[in-house]
Amino acid sequence: MARFDDEMDEHLVKAIDVSPELRGRMQSARKPLVQALESKASFVSLHFDPLRPMRLTEAERKVMEDYLSRGGFLLLVENNYPYTETEYRKKVEGSLFEYFFVDLPARNPGFTVDRVGADHPVFRQTYRIEYPEFILREMFDNPNYRGETVLLHRGRLVAYTLSLYAFSSPEGRHVPLARPYNHYDLIDTGYKLLVNIYLYALRH
């Protein structure tokens, strides 16, 4: 899954790089999380498995808190694509989502949590995005749906949660990806939304 995530991020960077504001300025690099501040990266992308707990060290927690407080941006990607609906809809304690959207606001009141709706400007940047019917169904049917949850620091968007799926069947059910994963199998709307998210974060 890690190699697939790296390939997806590289593909995303290439897609963002064609925008007028960023043409020729974007590049991807895989670095330890504790280097987020010193690397001076504009964006950090973290992927997490929704079925496996993943805890940050105290050093990583502090670095990310400082990074987001000082103008950084985090894209938190929930990798649902290898799993069935029954599997990824389970509630798992100790995920990265829990740290950034529960623990961090509790320890630092400068951070607040919200969820963006269909009328948010993030859906009208380079691409005009409409919620796919599949995602709308997830919002209502999945009691642990985490997509479109955002983290604000004193009103500024600093983190966005994207729930990443593969594709839906003719019956409208989720079809998990099979190995070897191919990033082009992911829903095209997801890539377009990622471009919009990054550009919105830069502009605001």
Protein backbone atom coordinates (compact mmCIF):
# COMPACT_ATOMS: atom_id res chain seq x y z
CA MET A 1 0.00 0.00 0.00
CA ALA A 2 2.90 2.38 0.77
CA ARG A 3 4.29 2.20 -2.76
CA PHE A 4 0.84 2.79 -4.20
CA ASP A 5 0.38 5.85 -1.97
CA ASP A 6 3.72 7.27 -3.12
CA GLU A 7 2.73 6.79 -6.76
CA MET A 8 -0.62 8.44 -6.11
CA ASP A 9 1.06 11.47 -4.51
CA GLU A 10 3.51 11.77 -7.42
CA HIS A 11 0.61 11.64 -9.87
CA LEU A 12 -1.19 14.30 -7.85
CA VAL A 13 1.82 16.62 -7.82
CA LYS A 14 2.05 16.37 -11.60
CA ALA A 15 -1.65 17.24 -11.87
CA ILE A 16 -1.27 20.29 -9.61
CA ASP A 17 1.91 21.41 -11.38
CA VAL A 18 0.00 22.32 -14.56
CA SER A 19 -1.95 25.09 -12.80
CA PRO A 20 -0.81 28.67 -13.64
CA GLU A 21 0.08 29.46 -10.02
CA LEU A 22 2.29 26.43 -9.55
CA ARG A 23 3.61 25.53 -12.98
CA GLY A 24 7.06 24.00 -12.66
CA ARG A 25 7.29 24.60 -8.88
CA MET A 26 5.87 21.40 -7.42
CA GLN A 27 7.83 18.28 -6.53
CA SER A 28 7.18 15.34 -4.26
CA ALA A 29 9.55 13.89 -1.67
CA ARG A 30 9.18 11.19 0.95
CA LYS A 31 10.54 12.39 4.31
CA PRO A 32 10.16 11.48 7.99
CA LEU A 33 7.30 13.32 9.64
CA VAL A 34 9.61 14.98 12.16
CA GLN A 35 11.23 16.86 9.25
CA ALA A 36 8.00 18.59 8.24
CA LEU A 37 9.08 21.91 9.76
CA GLU A 38 12.71 21.96 8.68
CA SER A 39 11.88 20.84 5.15
CA LYS A 40 9.66 23.94 4.76
CA ALA A 41 7.16 21.88 2.77
CA SER A 42 3.98 23.70 1.78
CA PHE A 43 1.99 20.49 2.04
CA VAL A 44 2.22 17.20 3.88
CA SER A 45 0.28 14.16 2.72
CA LEU A 46 -0.39 11.33 5.18
CA HIS A 47 -2.21 8.15 4.23
CA PHE A 48 -3.73 5.89 6.85
CA ASP A 49 -5.29 2.44 6.87
CA PRO A 50 -8.79 2.75 8.40
CA LEU A 51 -8.57 -0.76 9.90
CA ARG A 52 -5.21 -0.41 11.65
CA PRO A 53 -4.34 1.80 14.62
CA MET A 54 -1.44 4.16 13.91
CA ARG A 55 -0.10 6.37 16.66
CA LEU A 56 2.34 9.24 16.34
CA THR A 57 5.27 9.64 18.71
CA GLU A 58 5.20 12.66 20.99
CA ALA A 59 7.95 14.25 18.86
CA GLU A 60 5.85 13.77 15.70
CA ARG A 61 2.78 15.20 17.44
CA LYS A 62 4.66 18.32 18.49
CA VAL A 63 6.20 18.84 15.05
CA MET A 64 2.82 18.53 13.30
CA GLU A 65 1.14 20.86 15.78
CA ASP A 66 3.85 23.48 15.16
CA TYR A 67 3.82 22.85 11.41
CA LEU A 68 0.06 23.42 11.11
CA SER A 69 0.17 26.41 13.49
CA ARG A 70 2.83 28.11 11.35
CA GLY A 71 1.06 27.92 8.01
CA GLY A 72 1.53 24.31 6.87
CA PHE A 73 -1.21 22.18 5.33
CA LEU A 74 -2.01 18.50 5.80
CA LEU A 75 -3.93 16.23 3.46
CA LEU A 76 -5.03 13.22 5.49
CA VAL A 77 -6.01 10.37 3.17
CA GLU A 78 -8.14 7.49 4.43
CA ASN A 79 -7.24 4.47 2.30
CA ASN A 80 -10.56 2.67 1.92
CA TYR A 81 -9.77 1.37 -1.56
CA PRO A 82 -8.57 -2.17 -0.61
CA TYR A 83 -11.60 -2.92 1.58
CA THR A 84 -15.27 -3.78 1.37
CA GLU A 85 -17.95 -1.51 2.83
CA THR A 86 -18.40 -3.83 5.80
CA GLU A 87 -14.70 -3.61 6.59
CA TYR A 88 -13.93 0.09 6.22
CA ARG A 89 -17.10 1.23 7.99
CA LYS A 90 -15.88 -0.25 11.27
CA LYS A 91 -14.77 2.11 14.01
CA VAL A 92 -11.09 1.61 14.88
CA GLU A 93 -9.53 3.36 17.86
CA GLY A 94 -6.13 5.01 17.58
CA SER A 95 -6.17 6.15 13.93
CA LEU A 96 -4.37 9.23 12.61
CA PHE A 97 -7.80 10.77 12.11
CA GLU A 98 -8.43 10.50 15.84
CA TYR A 99 -5.21 12.34 16.67
CA PHE A 100 -5.66 15.27 14.29
CA PHE A 101 -9.40 15.76 14.72
CA VAL A 102 -9.96 14.75 18.36
CA ASP A 103 -6.73 14.86 20.35
CA LEU A 104 -5.10 17.92 18.76
CA PRO A 105 -8.09 20.28 19.23
CA ALA A 106 -8.37 19.02 22.82
CA ARG A 107 -4.75 19.92 23.60
CA ASN A 108 -4.70 23.17 21.61
CA PRO A 109 -7.93 25.24 21.49
CA GLY A 110 -6.58 27.20 18.52
CA PHE A 111 -7.59 24.20 16.41
CA THR A 112 -11.24 23.55 15.59
CA VAL A 113 -13.00 20.87 13.54
CA ASP A 114 -15.64 21.31 10.87
CA ARG A 115 -17.02 19.51 7.82
CA VAL A 116 -17.28 21.21 4.44
CA GLY A 117 -20.55 21.06 2.51
CA ALA A 118 -21.24 21.00 -1.20
CA ASP A 119 -21.35 24.82 -1.31
CA HIS A 120 -17.79 25.26 0.01
CA PRO A 121 -15.37 27.08 -2.36
CA VAL A 122 -13.01 24.10 -2.28
CA PHE A 123 -15.36 22.42 -4.75
CA ARG A 124 -15.11 25.31 -7.22
CA GLN A 125 -11.41 25.95 -7.81
CA THR A 126 -9.78 24.60 -10.99
CA TYR A 127 -12.51 21.97 -11.24
CA ARG A 128 -16.18 22.19 -10.35
CA ILE A 129 -16.88 19.14 -8.21
CA GLU A 130 -20.23 17.54 -7.55
CA TYR A 131 -20.51 14.85 -4.89
CA PRO A 132 -20.69 11.45 -6.63
CA GLU A 133 -23.82 9.53 -5.69
CA PHE A 134 -21.62 6.89 -4.10
CA ILE A 135 -20.09 9.44 -1.70
CA LEU A 136 -23.48 10.88 -0.82
CA ARG A 137 -24.64 7.40 0.13
CA GLU A 138 -21.54 6.93 2.29
CA MET A 139 -22.28 10.15 4.16
CA PHE A 140 -25.70 8.84 5.16
CA ASP A 141 -25.03 5.10 5.53
CA ASN A 142 -21.55 5.08 7.10
CA PRO A 143 -21.76 6.04 10.79
CA ASN A 144 -17.97 6.52 10.84
CA TYR A 145 -17.67 8.55 7.63
CA ARG A 146 -14.65 10.85 7.94
CA GLY A 147 -14.39 12.40 4.49
CA GLU A 148 -14.60 16.19 4.09
CA THR A 149 -13.75 16.68 7.77
CA VAL A 150 -11.46 19.70 8.04
CA LEU A 151 -9.19 21.15 10.69
CA LEU A 152 -8.94 24.92 11.11
CA HIS A 153 -6.32 26.89 12.98
CA ARG A 154 -7.78 30.22 14.06
CA GLY A 155 -10.15 30.03 11.09
CA ARG A 156 -7.55 29.02 8.46
CA LEU A 157 -7.89 25.67 6.71
CA VAL A 158 -4.90 23.56 7.75
CA ALA A 159 -6.04 19.96 7.18
CA TYR A 160 -8.51 18.11 4.97
CA THR A 161 -9.61 14.49 5.22
CA LEU A 162 -10.17 12.68 1.95
CA SER A 163 -11.73 9.22 2.04
CA LEU A 164 -10.23 7.43 -0.94
CA TYR A 165 -12.25 4.76 -2.74
CA ALA A 166 -11.70 2.76 -5.90
CA PHE A 167 -14.95 2.63 -7.87
CA SER A 168 -18.53 1.50 -7.52
CA SER A 169 -20.28 -1.40 -9.20
CA PRO A 170 -23.32 -1.00 -11.50
CA GLU A 171 -25.40 -1.71 -8.40
CA GLY A 172 -23.77 1.25 -6.64
CA ARG A 173 -21.70 -0.77 -4.18
CA HIS A 174 -18.03 -0.22 -3.48
CA VAL A 175 -15.63 -2.52 -5.33
CA PRO A 176 -12.27 -2.82 -3.54
CA LEU A 177 -9.09 -2.65 -5.59
CA ALA A 178 -7.13 -5.84 -6.11
CA ARG A 179 -3.35 -6.02 -6.19
CA PRO A 180 -1.38 -4.79 -8.00
CA TYR A 181 -2.95 -1.40 -7.30
CA ASN A 182 -3.12 1.08 -10.15
CA HIS A 183 -3.69 4.73 -9.21
CA TYR A 184 -5.62 5.28 -12.43
CA ASP A 185 -8.30 2.95 -11.10
CA LEU A 186 -9.28 5.48 -8.44
CA ILE A 187 -12.31 7.68 -8.92
CA ASP A 188 -11.29 10.56 -11.21
CA THR A 189 -13.33 12.97 -9.11
CA GLY A 190 -10.97 12.26 -6.23
CA TYR A 191 -7.95 13.50 -8.17
CA LYS A 192 -9.75 16.64 -9.28
CA LEU A 193 -10.83 17.33 -5.71
CA LEU A 194 -7.23 16.90 -4.51
CA VAL A 195 -6.07 19.54 -6.98
CA ASN A 196 -8.82 21.88 -5.76
CA ILE A 197 -7.92 21.29 -2.10
CA TYR A 198 -4.27 22.17 -2.56
CA LEU A 199 -5.01 25.25 -4.62
CA TYR A 200 -7.63 26.47 -2.15
CA ALA A 201 -5.19 26.04 0.75
CA LEU A 202 -2.56 28.06 -1.13
CA ARG A 203 -4.95 30.86 -1.97
CA HIS A 204 -6.31 31.16 1.56
